[in-house]
Protein backbone atom coordinates (compact mmCIF):
# COMPACT_ATOMS: atom_id res chain seq x y z
CA MET A 1 0.00 0.00 0.00
CA ASN A 2 1.35 3.43 -0.91
CA ASP A 3 1.47 6.15 1.72
CA VAL A 4 -1.94 7.00 3.13
CA VAL A 5 -2.84 9.86 5.45
CA LEU A 6 -5.65 9.21 7.90
CA ARG A 7 -7.33 12.35 9.23
CA VAL A 8 -9.38 11.81 12.40
CA ASP A 9 -12.44 13.96 13.01
CA ALA A 10 -13.33 13.68 16.69
CA ALA A 11 -16.77 14.61 17.96
CA ASP A 12 -15.06 16.49 20.79
CA PRO A 13 -12.03 18.50 19.58
CA ASP A 14 -10.54 18.28 23.09
CA LEU A 15 -10.32 14.49 22.66
CA LEU A 16 -8.70 14.58 19.21
CA ASP A 17 -5.19 13.69 20.40
CA ASP A 18 -6.44 10.80 22.55
CA ALA A 19 -8.60 9.46 19.71
CA THR A 20 -5.75 9.69 17.21
CA THR A 21 -3.35 8.00 19.63
CA ALA A 22 -5.80 5.12 20.13
CA LEU A 23 -6.11 4.60 16.36
CA TYR A 24 -2.30 4.84 16.03
CA GLU A 25 -1.87 2.04 18.60
CA ASP A 26 -4.52 -0.15 16.94
CA LEU A 27 -2.81 0.21 13.56
CA ARG A 28 0.62 -0.58 15.04
CA ASP A 29 -0.83 -3.81 16.41
CA LEU A 30 -1.26 -5.01 12.80
CA GLY A 31 2.50 -5.45 12.71
CA ASP A 32 3.03 -5.03 8.97
CA VAL A 33 1.86 -1.40 8.84
CA ARG A 34 4.29 1.45 9.38
CA VAL A 35 2.39 4.24 11.08
CA GLY A 36 3.51 7.63 12.35
CA ARG A 37 2.21 10.99 13.41
CA VAL A 38 2.27 13.69 10.73
CA GLU A 39 4.62 16.56 11.47
CA GLU A 40 3.85 20.05 10.27
CA ALA A 41 5.26 23.52 10.72
CA ALA A 42 4.61 24.79 14.24
CA GLU A 43 2.52 27.85 14.94
CA PRO A 44 4.43 31.14 14.75
CA GLY A 45 6.04 31.84 18.12
CA ALA A 46 6.07 28.17 19.14
CA LYS A 47 9.22 26.86 20.84
CA SER A 48 10.12 24.28 18.19
CA GLY A 49 10.13 24.34 14.41
CA LEU A 50 7.86 21.33 13.97
CA GLY A 51 4.58 20.43 15.58
CA THR A 52 2.34 17.41 15.27
CA ALA A 53 -0.91 17.51 13.33
CA LEU A 54 -3.04 16.13 16.14
CA GLY A 55 -5.56 14.28 14.00
CA ASP A 56 -3.28 13.02 11.22
CA LEU A 57 -1.50 9.70 10.84
CA VAL A 58 0.61 8.56 7.91
CA LEU A 59 0.93 4.88 7.13
CA SER A 60 2.39 2.54 4.58
CA GLY A 61 2.66 -1.18 4.19
CA GLY A 62 0.00 -3.67 5.14
CA THR A 63 -3.14 -4.35 3.16
CA VAL A 64 -6.02 -2.00 2.50
CA ALA A 65 -8.53 -4.53 3.85
CA ALA A 66 -6.68 -5.04 7.15
CA VAL A 67 -6.21 -1.31 7.73
CA TYR A 68 -9.83 -0.64 6.85
CA ARG A 69 -11.08 -3.28 9.31
CA VAL A 70 -9.02 -1.68 12.09
CA ILE A 71 -10.45 1.76 11.28
CA VAL A 72 -14.06 0.50 11.24
CA ALA A 73 -13.60 -1.36 14.54
CA TRP A 74 -11.99 1.72 16.08
CA LEU A 75 -14.83 3.97 14.84
CA GLY A 76 -17.33 1.61 16.48
CA ARG A 77 -15.83 2.08 19.92
CA SER A 78 -14.46 5.64 19.76
CA LYS A 79 -16.05 9.04 20.04
CA ALA A 80 -14.69 10.03 16.65
CA ARG A 81 -17.16 10.95 13.93
CA SER A 82 -15.09 9.84 10.98
CA VAL A 83 -11.68 9.17 9.50
CA THR A 84 -10.76 10.61 6.12
CA TRP A 85 -8.51 8.32 4.04
CA VAL A 86 -6.25 10.48 1.84
CA GLN A 87 -4.16 8.71 -0.81
CA GLY A 88 -2.69 11.03 -3.41
CA GLU A 89 -5.52 13.17 -4.69
CA ASP A 90 -8.21 10.70 -3.58
CA LYS A 91 -10.13 11.25 -0.35
CA VAL A 92 -12.66 8.89 1.20
CA GLU A 93 -14.49 9.70 4.43
CA LEU A 94 -15.01 6.56 6.51
CA THR A 95 -17.85 6.42 9.01
CA ALA A 96 -19.75 3.58 10.62
CA LEU A 97 -21.13 1.64 7.63
CA SER A 98 -23.11 -1.53 7.10
CA GLY A 99 -21.16 -4.69 6.33
CA ALA A 100 -22.10 -4.55 2.63
CA ASP A 101 -21.09 -0.90 2.37
CA GLN A 102 -17.78 -1.64 4.12
CA ARG A 103 -16.97 -4.40 1.63
CA ARG A 104 -17.78 -2.11 -1.31
CA VAL A 105 -15.52 0.66 0.03
CA ILE A 106 -12.67 -1.85 0.44
CA GLU A 107 -13.24 -3.11 -3.11
CA LEU A 108 -13.16 0.42 -4.53
CA ILE A 109 -9.96 1.34 -2.67
CA VAL A 110 -8.26 -1.91 -3.72
CA GLU A 111 -9.37 -1.48 -7.36
CA LYS A 112 -8.00 2.07 -7.44
CA HIS A 113 -4.71 0.98 -5.82
CA GLN A 114 -4.30 -1.91 -8.29
CA ALA A 115 -5.07 0.31 -11.28
CA VAL A 116 -2.44 2.84 -10.20
CA ALA A 117 0.14 0.09 -9.60
CA GLU A 118 -0.57 -1.48 -13.02
CA HIS A 119 -0.29 1.91 -14.71
CA ARG A 120 3.07 2.58 -13.04
CA ALA A 121 4.33 -0.89 -13.97
CA ALA A 122 3.33 -0.32 -17.60
CA GLU A 123 5.20 3.00 -17.63
CA ASP A 124 8.32 1.33 -16.21
CA THR A 125 8.31 -1.51 -18.75
CA PRO A 126 10.84 -0.84 -21.56
CA GLU A 127 9.41 -0.90 -25.05
CA LYS A 128 10.62 -3.58 -27.46
């Protein structure tokens, strides 16, 4: 899986860091996903040059289906409203969905990822 940014939208902005940390830990438990907090320029006048975007995680590796299942399970037990999946120019807002809707979202994300990978592979193949 190429780099993905997950943007947490917590129902209570005061709980955003806790909610993001809980999702971070759940994703790390997958083992094959590299996950980190997104760093951004700190506010003017802040003591350090970089700050952390409280609701953003960046991840790579793993499978779309496994990551998606973790997000849906986390949404079911958290106070977050949604997680926005950002991959390149594509954005998908994930909320609590029915099982059929969850499967369709996974299929769409996987299809898009495979199409991009096939396109890149075709561009890298030398012509005869």
